[in-house]
Protein backbone atom coordinates (compact mmCIF):
# COMPACT_ATOMS: atom_id res chain seq x y z
CA MET A 1 -19.04 -12.99 -39.83
CA GLY A 2 -15.42 -14.01 -40.51
CA ALA A 3 -13.70 -17.23 -41.52
CA ALA A 4 -10.74 -19.46 -40.63
CA PHE A 5 -8.79 -21.50 -43.18
CA LEU A 6 -6.78 -24.68 -42.59
CA TYR A 7 -3.90 -25.62 -44.91
CA LEU A 8 -2.50 -29.15 -44.56
CA GLY A 9 1.20 -29.91 -44.64
CA SER A 10 2.76 -32.57 -46.87
CA ALA A 11 6.12 -33.75 -48.15
CA ALA A 12 5.87 -30.95 -50.71
CA GLY A 13 4.95 -28.33 -48.11
CA LEU A 14 1.61 -26.60 -47.57
CA GLY A 15 -1.15 -26.96 -50.11
CA ALA A 16 -2.14 -23.94 -52.19
CA THR A 17 -5.82 -24.21 -51.29
CA PRO A 18 -7.36 -24.67 -47.85
CA ALA A 19 -8.38 -28.18 -46.87
CA THR A 20 -11.03 -26.79 -44.55
CA THR A 21 -12.81 -23.44 -44.32
CA GLN A 22 -14.75 -22.63 -41.18
CA LEU A 23 -17.25 -19.77 -41.26
CA GLY A 24 -18.58 -17.75 -38.37
CA SER A 25 -22.24 -18.03 -37.48
CA ALA A 26 -23.10 -14.41 -36.60
CA ALA A 27 -22.97 -11.12 -38.42
CA ASN A 28 -20.18 -8.90 -37.10
CA GLY A 29 -19.01 -11.71 -34.82
CA ARG A 30 -15.39 -11.35 -36.00
CA PHE A 31 -14.93 -15.10 -36.14
CA GLY A 32 -11.26 -15.91 -36.77
CA SER A 33 -9.86 -12.82 -35.03
CA SER A 34 -7.58 -15.27 -33.26
CA VAL A 35 -6.62 -18.86 -34.03
CA ALA A 36 -4.30 -21.37 -32.38
CA SER A 37 -3.41 -25.00 -32.35
CA ALA A 38 -5.23 -26.46 -29.37
CA GLY A 39 -3.10 -29.61 -29.30
CA ASP A 40 -4.89 -32.92 -28.80
CA VAL A 41 -7.61 -31.99 -26.29
CA ASP A 42 -9.35 -35.39 -26.36
CA GLY A 43 -6.41 -37.79 -26.72
CA ASP A 44 -7.55 -39.30 -30.04
CA GLY A 45 -4.13 -38.81 -31.63
CA LEU A 46 -5.26 -35.90 -33.83
CA ASP A 47 -4.63 -32.25 -33.07
CA ASP A 48 -7.50 -29.83 -32.75
CA VAL A 49 -7.90 -26.13 -33.58
CA LEU A 50 -9.08 -23.21 -31.44
CA VAL A 51 -10.81 -20.20 -33.03
CA GLY A 52 -11.90 -16.97 -31.35
CA ALA A 53 -14.92 -14.84 -32.28
CA PRO A 54 -14.71 -11.90 -29.85
CA VAL A 55 -18.04 -10.23 -30.72
CA GLU A 56 -20.28 -13.27 -31.25
CA SER A 57 -23.26 -13.29 -28.88
CA GLY A 58 -22.20 -9.86 -27.60
CA SER A 59 -19.74 -11.27 -25.09
CA GLY A 60 -17.53 -13.18 -27.51
CA ARG A 61 -17.03 -16.89 -28.02
CA ALA A 62 -14.32 -19.48 -28.51
CA HIS A 63 -14.72 -22.66 -30.57
CA VAL A 64 -12.74 -25.87 -30.90
CA TYR A 65 -12.84 -27.93 -34.10
CA ARG A 66 -11.64 -31.50 -33.79
CA GLY A 67 -9.11 -32.92 -36.17
CA GLN A 68 -9.83 -35.77 -38.58
CA SER A 69 -7.86 -37.46 -41.36
CA THR A 70 -9.11 -35.01 -44.00
CA GLY A 71 -8.76 -31.83 -41.92
CA LEU A 72 -11.27 -30.50 -39.41
CA LEU A 73 -14.84 -31.45 -38.57
CA SER A 74 -17.26 -28.92 -40.07
CA VAL A 75 -18.96 -28.02 -36.79
CA PRO A 76 -17.30 -27.12 -33.51
CA SER A 77 -17.13 -29.80 -30.84
CA TRP A 78 -16.85 -27.16 -28.12
CA THR A 79 -18.13 -23.60 -27.79
CA VAL A 80 -18.05 -21.30 -24.78
CA SER A 81 -19.20 -17.70 -24.36
CA GLY A 82 -17.54 -14.84 -22.53
CA PRO A 83 -18.24 -13.71 -18.96
CA SER A 84 -19.91 -10.39 -19.84
CA THR A 85 -21.13 -8.26 -22.72
CA LEU A 86 -18.36 -6.61 -24.74
CA SER A 87 -15.66 -8.46 -22.80
CA PHE A 88 -14.13 -9.47 -26.17
CA PHE A 89 -13.80 -13.06 -25.04
CA GLY A 90 -11.83 -14.89 -27.72
CA LEU A 91 -9.84 -11.93 -29.02
CA THR A 92 -6.84 -13.83 -27.68
CA VAL A 93 -6.70 -17.65 -27.57
CA ALA A 94 -3.86 -20.12 -27.03
CA GLY A 95 -3.11 -23.78 -26.76
CA VAL A 96 -1.14 -24.03 -23.53
CA GLY A 97 0.09 -27.60 -23.55
CA ASP A 98 -0.79 -29.86 -20.63
CA VAL A 99 -0.84 -27.71 -17.49
CA ASN A 100 -2.12 -30.47 -15.16
CA GLY A 101 -0.16 -33.43 -16.52
CA ASP A 102 -3.13 -35.65 -17.32
CA GLY A 103 -2.06 -36.35 -20.89
CA PHE A 104 -4.67 -34.10 -22.54
CA ALA A 105 -3.96 -30.69 -24.04
CA ASP A 106 -5.49 -27.61 -22.43
CA VAL A 107 -6.45 -24.20 -23.81
CA ALA A 108 -6.67 -20.61 -22.59
CA VAL A 109 -9.06 -17.88 -23.70
CA ALA A 110 -8.89 -14.21 -22.67
CA ALA A 111 -11.60 -11.63 -22.20
CA GLN A 112 -9.23 -8.69 -22.22
CA SER A 113 -11.98 -6.05 -21.91
CA PHE A 114 -13.73 -7.75 -18.97
CA GLY A 115 -14.74 -5.15 -16.39
CA SER A 116 -16.93 -2.08 -16.53
CA ALA A 117 -17.17 0.76 -19.02
CA GLY A 118 -13.85 2.60 -19.16
CA ASN A 119 -12.33 -0.02 -16.85
CA SER A 120 -11.20 -2.90 -19.11
CA ARG A 121 -9.28 -4.87 -16.52
CA GLY A 122 -9.22 -8.27 -18.23
CA ARG A 123 -9.74 -11.92 -17.34
CA VAL A 124 -8.26 -15.23 -18.52
CA HIS A 125 -9.91 -18.68 -18.48
CA VAL A 126 -8.13 -22.04 -18.78
CA TYR A 127 -10.05 -25.15 -19.82
CA HIS A 128 -8.71 -28.67 -19.27
CA GLY A 129 -8.87 -31.40 -21.88
CA SER A 130 -10.17 -34.93 -21.28
CA ALA A 131 -11.22 -38.02 -23.19
CA ALA A 132 -14.54 -36.27 -23.75
CA GLY A 133 -12.88 -33.09 -24.94
CA LEU A 134 -12.70 -29.73 -23.21
CA ALA A 135 -14.85 -28.94 -20.20
CA THR A 136 -17.21 -25.99 -20.68
CA THR A 137 -16.48 -24.64 -17.20
CA PRO A 138 -13.03 -23.15 -16.72
CA ALA A 139 -10.75 -25.11 -14.41
CA TRP A 140 -8.86 -21.89 -13.65
CA HIS A 141 -9.46 -18.21 -14.07
CA ARG A 142 -7.61 -15.10 -13.00
CA GLU A 143 -8.69 -11.53 -13.41
CA CYS A 144 -7.37 -8.07 -12.76
CA SER A 145 -9.34 -6.08 -10.15
CA GLN A 146 -7.13 -2.99 -10.20
CA PRO A 147 -9.07 0.02 -11.54
CA GLY A 148 -7.97 1.12 -14.99
CA LEU A 149 -7.43 -0.26 -18.48
CA ALA A 150 -4.96 -3.06 -17.73
CA GLN A 151 -6.37 -5.40 -20.41
CA PHE A 152 -4.97 -8.47 -18.69
CA GLY A 153 -4.89 -11.25 -21.27
CA SER A 154 -4.22 -8.99 -24.24
CA ALA A 155 -1.36 -11.39 -24.93
CA LEU A 156 -1.42 -15.04 -23.98
CA SER A 157 0.79 -18.06 -24.66
CA GLY A 158 1.81 -21.45 -23.49
CA ALA A 159 5.29 -21.05 -22.02
CA GLY A 160 6.32 -24.67 -22.27
CA ASP A 161 7.75 -26.27 -19.14
CA VAL A 162 10.08 -23.58 -17.75
CA ASP A 163 11.14 -25.64 -14.72
CA ALA A 164 11.03 -29.13 -16.30
CA ASP A 165 8.68 -30.44 -13.61
CA GLY A 166 6.45 -32.23 -16.14
CA PHE A 167 3.71 -29.58 -16.14
CA ASP A 168 3.38 -26.87 -18.77
CA ASP A 169 3.24 -23.22 -17.72
CA VAL A 170 1.41 -20.16 -19.07
CA VAL A 171 2.59 -16.57 -19.66
CA ILE A 172 0.04 -13.72 -19.78
CA GLY A 173 0.48 -10.06 -20.71
CA GLY A 174 -1.42 -6.95 -19.72
CA TYR A 175 0.08 -4.25 -21.89
CA ARG A 176 -1.83 -1.34 -20.35
CA ALA A 177 -1.20 -2.22 -16.70
CA SER A 178 -0.20 0.80 -14.62
CA ILE A 179 1.91 -0.37 -11.68
CA ARG A 180 4.38 2.41 -11.00
CA PHE A 181 4.32 3.99 -14.45
CA ALA A 182 1.24 4.75 -16.54
CA GLU A 183 0.58 1.91 -18.99
CA GLU A 184 4.04 0.45 -18.51
CA GLY A 185 2.58 -3.03 -18.99
CA SER A 186 3.31 -6.30 -17.25
CA ALA A 187 3.87 -9.98 -17.99
CA LEU A 188 3.11 -12.76 -15.51
CA LEU A 189 3.92 -16.47 -15.52
CA PHE A 190 1.70 -19.05 -13.81
CA ARG A 191 3.16 -22.50 -13.25
CA GLY A 192 1.34 -25.73 -13.94
CA GLY A 193 0.77 -28.51 -11.42
CA ALA A 194 -1.36 -31.60 -10.78
CA ALA A 195 -4.35 -29.38 -9.93
CA GLY A 196 -3.72 -27.00 -12.85
CA LEU A 197 -2.25 -23.51 -12.85
CA SER A 198 -1.19 -21.76 -9.66
CA LEU A 199 -3.34 -18.85 -8.50
CA ALA A 200 -0.22 -16.90 -7.60
CA PRO A 201 2.03 -15.72 -10.41
CA ASP A 202 5.43 -17.36 -10.05
CA TRP A 203 7.19 -14.66 -12.07
CA ALA A 204 6.48 -11.06 -13.00
CA PHE A 205 8.15 -8.33 -15.03
CA GLU A 206 7.10 -4.75 -15.71
CA GLY A 207 7.84 -2.20 -18.43
CA GLY A 208 9.65 0.28 -16.18
CA GLN A 209 8.66 3.49 -17.97
CA ASP A 210 5.53 5.38 -18.98
CA GLY A 211 3.78 3.84 -21.96
CA ALA A 212 6.26 1.00 -22.52
CA THR A 213 3.36 -1.46 -23.11
CA LEU A 214 5.40 -4.48 -22.02
CA GLY A 215 3.29 -7.60 -22.38
CA ALA A 216 1.71 -6.52 -25.67
CA SER A 217 3.26 -9.76 -26.92
CA VAL A 218 4.42 -12.85 -25.04
CA ALA A 219 5.48 -16.28 -26.28
CA GLY A 220 7.04 -19.54 -25.33
CA ALA A 221 10.42 -19.46 -27.06
CA GLY A 222 11.29 -23.12 -26.79
CA ASP A 223 14.75 -23.94 -25.44
CA VAL A 224 17.02 -21.28 -26.93
CA ASN A 225 20.18 -22.28 -25.04
CA GLY A 226 19.87 -26.07 -24.98
CA ASP A 227 19.76 -26.54 -21.20
CA GLY A 228 16.54 -28.59 -21.19
CA TYR A 229 14.30 -25.81 -19.84
CA ALA A 230 11.73 -23.82 -21.81
CA ASP A 231 12.36 -20.09 -22.15
CA VAL A 232 10.05 -17.09 -22.66
CA ILE A 233 10.19 -13.95 -24.80
CA VAL A 234 8.25 -10.75 -24.01
CA GLY A 235 7.73 -7.67 -26.19
CA ALA A 236 7.38 -3.99 -25.19
CA PRO A 237 6.70 -2.24 -28.51
CA ALA A 238 6.53 1.32 -27.16
CA HIS A 239 9.57 1.15 -24.90
CA ASP A 240 11.95 4.08 -25.35
CA GLY A 241 15.51 3.05 -26.18
CA PRO A 242 17.84 4.28 -28.92
CA ALA A 243 14.79 6.13 -30.30
CA MET A 244 11.40 7.19 -28.94
CA ASP A 245 8.92 4.30 -28.87
CA CYS A 246 11.35 2.09 -30.80
CA GLY A 247 10.37 -0.96 -28.73
CA GLU A 248 12.24 -3.94 -27.33
CA ALA A 249 11.99 -7.70 -26.73
CA ARG A 250 13.45 -9.52 -23.72
CA MET A 251 14.44 -13.16 -23.32
CA PHE A 252 14.04 -14.91 -19.96
CA LEU A 253 15.64 -18.31 -19.37
CA GLY A 254 14.03 -21.22 -17.55
CA SER A 255 15.75 -23.34 -14.89
CA SER A 256 14.84 -25.83 -12.17
CA HIS A 257 13.77 -22.79 -10.11
CA GLY A 258 11.46 -21.42 -12.78
CA LEU A 259 11.86 -18.38 -15.00
CA SER A 260 14.78 -16.06 -14.22
CA PRO A 261 13.80 -12.67 -12.75
CA LEU A 262 16.53 -11.14 -14.93
CA SER A 263 16.45 -11.03 -18.73
CA SER A 264 19.34 -12.86 -20.37
CA SER A 265 19.25 -10.68 -23.48
CA VAL A 266 17.45 -7.63 -24.86
CA ALA A 267 16.93 -6.74 -28.53
CA ARG A 268 15.81 -3.21 -29.36
CA GLY A 269 14.43 -1.37 -32.34
CA ALA A 270 16.38 1.49 -33.87
CA LEU A 271 13.72 3.75 -35.38
CA VAL A 272 11.20 6.17 -33.89
CA SER A 273 7.85 4.41 -33.35
CA GLU A 274 9.15 1.22 -34.94
CA GLU A 275 6.96 -0.98 -32.69
CA PHE A 276 9.74 -3.52 -32.36
CA GLY A 277 8.32 -6.31 -30.19
CA VAL A 278 4.67 -5.77 -31.13
CA SER A 279 4.69 -9.47 -32.02
CA VAL A 280 7.10 -12.13 -30.76
CA GLY A 281 7.10 -15.88 -31.24
CA GLY A 282 9.01 -19.09 -31.11
CA ALA A 283 10.27 -20.04 -34.57
CA GLY A 284 11.11 -23.65 -33.86
CA ASP A 285 14.59 -24.81 -34.89
CA VAL A 286 15.04 -23.25 -38.33
CA ASP A 287 18.67 -24.34 -38.81
CA GLY A 288 18.45 -27.80 -37.25
CA ASP A 289 21.17 -27.17 -34.67
CA GLY A 290 19.04 -28.44 -31.77
CA LEU A 291 18.42 -24.95 -30.38
CA SER A 292 15.17 -23.03 -30.62
CA ASP A 293 15.04 -19.75 -32.52
CA VAL A 294 12.70 -16.74 -32.14
CA LEU A 295 11.05 -14.08 -34.29
CA VAL A 296 10.43 -10.44 -33.37
CA VAL A 297 8.36 -8.05 -35.51
CA GLY A 298 8.85 -4.31 -35.92
CA ALA A 299 5.45 -3.53 -37.47
CA SER A 300 6.27 0.08 -38.36
CA TYR A 301 9.85 -0.45 -39.49
CA ASP A 302 10.63 1.91 -42.37
CA ALA A 303 13.26 1.01 -44.96
CA GLY A 304 12.10 3.37 -47.67
CA GLN A 305 8.39 2.65 -47.66
CA SER A 306 6.29 4.10 -44.87
CA THR A 307 5.65 1.60 -42.04
CA GLU A 308 6.35 -1.37 -44.28
CA GLY A 309 7.33 -3.50 -41.28
CA LYS A 310 10.05 -6.07 -40.78
CA ALA A 311 10.48 -9.44 -39.07
CA PHE A 312 13.77 -10.34 -37.38
CA LEU A 313 15.01 -13.88 -36.71
CA TYR A 314 17.30 -14.52 -33.74
CA ARG A 315 19.02 -17.90 -33.55
CA GLY A 316 19.48 -19.84 -30.35
CA ALA A 317 22.95 -20.28 -28.88
CA VAL A 318 24.55 -22.37 -26.13
CA ILE A 319 25.43 -19.37 -23.98
CA ALA A 320 24.45 -19.49 -20.33
CA ASP A 321 24.19 -15.87 -19.19
CA CYS A 322 21.00 -15.71 -17.14
CA ASN A 323 21.63 -12.22 -15.75
CA GLY A 324 22.52 -10.66 -19.09
CA ASN A 325 25.79 -9.13 -17.89
CA GLY A 326 27.81 -10.41 -20.86
CA ILE A 327 29.72 -12.91 -18.70
CA THR A 328 28.89 -16.61 -18.72
CA ASP A 329 27.22 -18.04 -15.65
CA ALA A 330 30.15 -20.44 -15.15
CA THR A 331 32.61 -17.54 -15.08
CA ASP A 332 30.42 -15.54 -12.69
CA ILE A 333 30.31 -18.52 -10.32
CA ALA A 334 34.01 -19.42 -10.65
CA SER A 335 35.06 -15.83 -9.91
CA ALA A 336 32.71 -15.66 -6.88
CA ALA A 337 30.87 -12.75 -8.51
CA SER A 338 27.76 -14.93 -8.12
CA ARG A 339 26.89 -17.61 -5.58
CA ASP A 340 25.61 -21.06 -6.54
CA VAL A 341 24.62 -22.70 -3.27
CA ASP A 342 22.73 -25.62 -4.82
CA LEU A 343 25.50 -26.30 -7.37
CA ASP A 344 23.12 -26.37 -10.32
CA GLY A 345 25.26 -24.06 -12.45
CA VAL A 346 22.78 -21.19 -12.28
CA PRO A 347 23.71 -18.05 -10.29
CA ASP A 348 21.48 -17.65 -7.26
CA GLU A 349 20.38 -14.14 -8.29
CA CYS A 350 18.67 -15.76 -11.31
CA GLN A 351 16.62 -18.10 -9.13
CA ASN A 352 13.28 -17.16 -7.64
CA THR A 353 12.48 -18.81 -4.34
CA GLY A 354 9.34 -18.89 -2.22
CA THR A 355 5.64 -18.76 -3.06
CA ALA A 356 3.63 -15.54 -2.95
CA PHE A 357 0.31 -15.32 -1.09
CA CYS A 358 -1.96 -12.70 0.54
CA PHE A 359 -2.60 -10.47 -2.44
CA GLY A 360 -4.09 -7.01 -2.46
CA ASP A 361 -5.24 -7.37 -6.06
CA GLY A 362 -8.87 -7.56 -4.98
CA GLU A 363 -9.76 -11.01 -6.25
CA PHE A 364 -9.34 -12.95 -2.99
CA ALA A 365 -9.47 -10.24 -0.30
CA ALA A 366 -10.69 -6.66 -0.37
CA CYS A 367 -8.29 -3.82 0.34
CA PRO A 368 -9.60 -1.27 2.87
CA CYS A 369 -10.52 1.63 0.56
CA GLY A 370 -11.05 -0.10 -2.75
CA ASN A 371 -7.32 0.40 -3.33
CA SER A 372 -6.71 -2.86 -5.16
CA GLY A 373 -3.24 -3.38 -6.59
CA TRP A 374 -1.94 -5.37 -9.56
CA ILE A 375 -2.07 -9.15 -9.69
CA GLY A 376 0.25 -10.82 -7.16
CA ARG A 377 1.11 -7.61 -5.25
CA GLY A 378 -0.08 -5.77 -2.15
CA CYS A 379 -2.72 -3.03 -1.94
CA ARG A 380 -2.31 0.18 -3.89
CA ASN A 381 -0.42 2.99 -2.16
CA SER A 382 -0.25 6.73 -2.75
CA LEU A 383 2.68 6.47 -5.18
CA VAL A 384 2.48 3.06 -6.86
CA GLN A 385 -0.89 2.11 -8.36
CA GLY A 386 0.04 -1.56 -8.52
CA GLY A 387 0.98 -1.79 -4.84
CA ALA A 388 4.22 -3.20 -3.45
CA ARG A 389 5.57 -6.62 -4.36
CA LEU A 390 7.67 -8.94 -2.19
CA TRP A 391 9.68 -11.78 -3.70
CA ALA A 392 12.99 -13.52 -3.06
CA THR A 393 15.94 -14.86 -4.99
CA GLY A 394 18.59 -17.38 -4.00
CA SER A 395 18.68 -20.80 -2.41
CA ALA A 396 16.82 -21.41 0.87
CA SER A 397 19.35 -23.51 2.77
CA VAL A 398 19.82 -23.43 6.54
CA THR A 399 23.54 -24.11 6.28
CA GLN A 400 24.38 -22.13 3.11
CA ASP A 401 21.59 -19.60 2.83
CA SER A 402 21.74 -17.19 -0.13
CA VAL A 403 18.15 -15.88 0.04
CA VAL A 404 17.71 -12.17 -0.63
CA LEU A 405 14.31 -10.70 0.24
CA ARG A 406 13.32 -8.05 -2.32
CA ALA A 407 10.49 -5.54 -2.14
CA HIS A 408 9.50 -3.02 -4.80
CA GLY A 409 6.84 -0.32 -5.12
CA MET A 410 6.92 1.26 -1.66
CA THR A 411 6.51 4.79 -0.36
CA GLY A 412 8.30 6.27 2.66
CA SER A 413 11.91 5.95 3.74
CA ASP A 414 12.17 2.49 5.32
CA CYS A 415 10.85 -1.02 4.91
CA VAL A 416 10.63 -3.46 7.83
CA PHE A 417 10.91 -7.08 6.75
CA PHE A 418 9.40 -9.49 9.27
CA ALA A 419 8.66 -13.22 9.36
CA GLY A 420 6.25 -15.40 11.29
CA SER A 421 5.84 -19.07 12.01
CA ALA A 422 2.26 -19.09 10.72
CA SER A 423 0.02 -17.49 8.13
CA VAL A 424 -3.27 -15.90 9.18
CA PRO A 425 -6.36 -14.94 7.16
CA SER A 426 -5.92 -11.61 5.42
CA ALA A 427 -6.86 -8.80 7.77
CA ILE A 428 -7.00 -5.07 7.08
CA VAL A 429 -4.06 -3.21 8.60
CA ASP A 430 -4.14 0.51 7.77
CA ASP A 431 -3.90 0.77 3.96
CA GLY A 432 -2.99 -2.88 3.41
CA LEU A 433 -3.52 -6.51 4.39
CA GLY A 434 -1.72 -8.43 7.13
CA CYS A 435 -1.31 -12.17 6.79
CA VAL A 436 1.72 -13.19 8.91
CA GLY A 437 1.35 -14.43 12.48
CA GLY A 438 2.68 -16.83 15.07
CA SER A 439 6.12 -16.25 16.54
CA LEU A 440 7.45 -13.10 14.81
CA VAL A 441 10.99 -12.05 13.94
CA ARG A 442 11.72 -8.50 12.77
CA PHE A 443 14.67 -8.00 10.45
CA GLY A 444 14.82 -4.30 11.24
CA ALA A 445 14.29 -1.27 9.01
CA ARG A 446 16.07 -1.21 5.68
CA PRO A 447 16.19 1.93 3.54
CA ILE A 448 13.87 2.37 0.59
CA VAL A 449 15.83 3.63 -2.40
CA ALA A 450 14.01 4.32 -5.67
CA ILE A 451 10.89 2.62 -4.20
CA ALA A 452 12.84 -0.62 -3.55
CA SER A 453 14.44 -2.32 -0.56
CA SER A 454 16.10 -5.64 0.23
CA TYR A 455 17.47 -7.82 3.03
CA PRO A 456 20.33 -8.56 3.56
CA SER A 457 21.59 -5.24 2.23
CA LEU A 458 23.61 -3.50 4.97
CA PRO A 459 27.07 -4.39 6.31
CA GLY A 460 26.69 -6.93 9.10
CA ASP A 461 23.28 -8.22 8.00
CA LEU A 462 22.96 -11.87 8.92
CA PRO A 463 21.67 -14.39 6.34
CA VAL A 464 17.89 -14.80 6.46
CA ALA A 465 18.09 -18.36 7.83
CA GLN A 466 20.44 -17.29 10.62
CA ARG A 467 18.27 -14.28 11.48
CA LEU A 468 15.31 -16.64 11.74
CA ALA A 469 17.36 -18.99 13.93
CA LEU A 470 16.20 -21.93 11.85
CA PRO A 471 17.66 -25.25 13.01
CA PRO A 472 18.55 -28.01 10.56
CA PRO A 473 16.67 -29.49 8.73
CA GLY A 474 14.89 -26.18 8.17
CA GLY A 475 11.24 -25.23 8.19
CA VAL A 476 8.55 -22.94 6.79
CA ARG A 477 8.33 -19.20 7.44
CA TYR A 478 5.93 -16.52 6.23
CA VAL A 479 7.33 -13.11 5.34
CA GLN A 480 5.96 -9.62 4.70
CA CYS A 481 7.30 -6.09 4.52
CA PHE A 482 5.76 -3.16 6.41
CA TYR A 483 6.32 0.40 5.19
CA ARG A 484 5.09 3.87 6.07
CA ASN A 485 2.93 5.92 3.76
CA ALA A 486 4.50 9.03 2.34
CA ILE A 487 0.91 10.24 2.05
CA SER A 488 -2.01 8.35 3.53
CA TYR A 489 -4.09 6.59 0.91
CA CYS A 490 -6.93 5.75 3.28
CA ALA A 491 -6.77 8.54 5.84
CA PRO A 492 -5.84 8.40 8.66
CA ALA A 493 -3.90 5.21 7.88
CA SER A 494 -0.14 5.53 8.24
CA SER A 495 1.23 2.28 6.78
CA ASN A 496 0.85 -0.37 4.12
CA ARG A 497 2.22 -3.86 3.41
CA THR A 498 3.47 -5.96 0.57
CA ASN A 499 1.99 -9.30 -0.39
CA GLY A 500 3.18 -12.26 1.70
CA LEU A 501 5.82 -14.82 0.79
CA VAL A 502 6.20 -18.45 1.94
CA LEU A 503 9.80 -19.63 2.32
CA VAL A 504 10.48 -23.34 2.68
CA TYR A 505 13.98 -23.99 4.05
CA GLY A 506 15.95 -27.16 3.54
CA PRO A 507 19.15 -28.34 5.26
């Protein structure tokens, strides 16, 4: 059955006995497997509580209990069930702030085992608050269609407002995602907006080695460096570092351009199988210096007693080093080691630009041979299960362009970046999907090295804006990358493509 206990704060601290005890309603329902503050979902001035029961009703359920002056109401004001039997809906729940800016708190619930037997791909639902409370129909959902045990939603957290646009964002982990490496794991960030969360992930990061399990934990870290933007911490508890499976946790800084594609700092475990990073979280401001602090757990840390575990506190600091090279951003910019076209004090290589579209992840368009890739990428190829991803960093300016197109996860020897003046409905092209049309410009073949390629990258390469011949005040272009198959995935196909990317150029 299970239970959840609420302890009220006071001037003397937390009470010794619970003010409210909520009991599950079904045998073996595992009520209370996850709990979270939901925020104020109905705008009555009192915070509410979210409780998961991942086996109730067979599919799992999530419940919200409304706050009152003496604690919580005794019965839930909101209950929803999972999308399918044994999807473990409610094993992970989170209050995610206000993702659509309407003044009411919103919540997210994951069904991390959604899929078919032996194919626990995962799905996440977001429900918007209102004066009447939470809606029972999700305003947003995203699922993984890539075959395998990705368990998308195994970790879930509100990220805060990473770009300070007034809308809260959400970070989601899938610790068993296999993109290039088996079960390397992945974390994705979806940005909030007036209509809710974006369908396209605005930011992604992968584990980078077999079994790293990055995304087993994710959390909004608060503002660790005092720049006014929320930051995010991600754990990879089986990442190999100083010792086998010691684990690591990475910090990513927010900015006006969103979350940096580069981690600003990395903390690692020191012991074999320490599981450092199995749990990460924002700690608030424990020393009152105005900077947020974070906690990282090494669940199997051994200091004399077997797997006794240890929690580590890392304090925030006013150090701007978005690329983690040990040199301050200001020094990088002053020395011309990094460009800063928009003069915001953040090196351009730490700024994502453009909006991804045309995904081969199977949710919006079918890949030709059932070869769905990972969320926000192209169709699967013969080498990289997650497919190839196209993104860009820099500042999209016609007069001072610093955009670098970046593609990762490709087979073959060369990548051909090309741009069009229009997008077209996704159409099957060999192993992948084509979605760029209109007047086309080819950037030419660029070598693929270690499954990655970029433009500009060779001596004499013109800036992207100049290659596109964009006149002031700029315009919109749609970009993809075409690459040859090392081995045909869908014989006799001979090529594949990345996802698409929309670039909006200013003066």
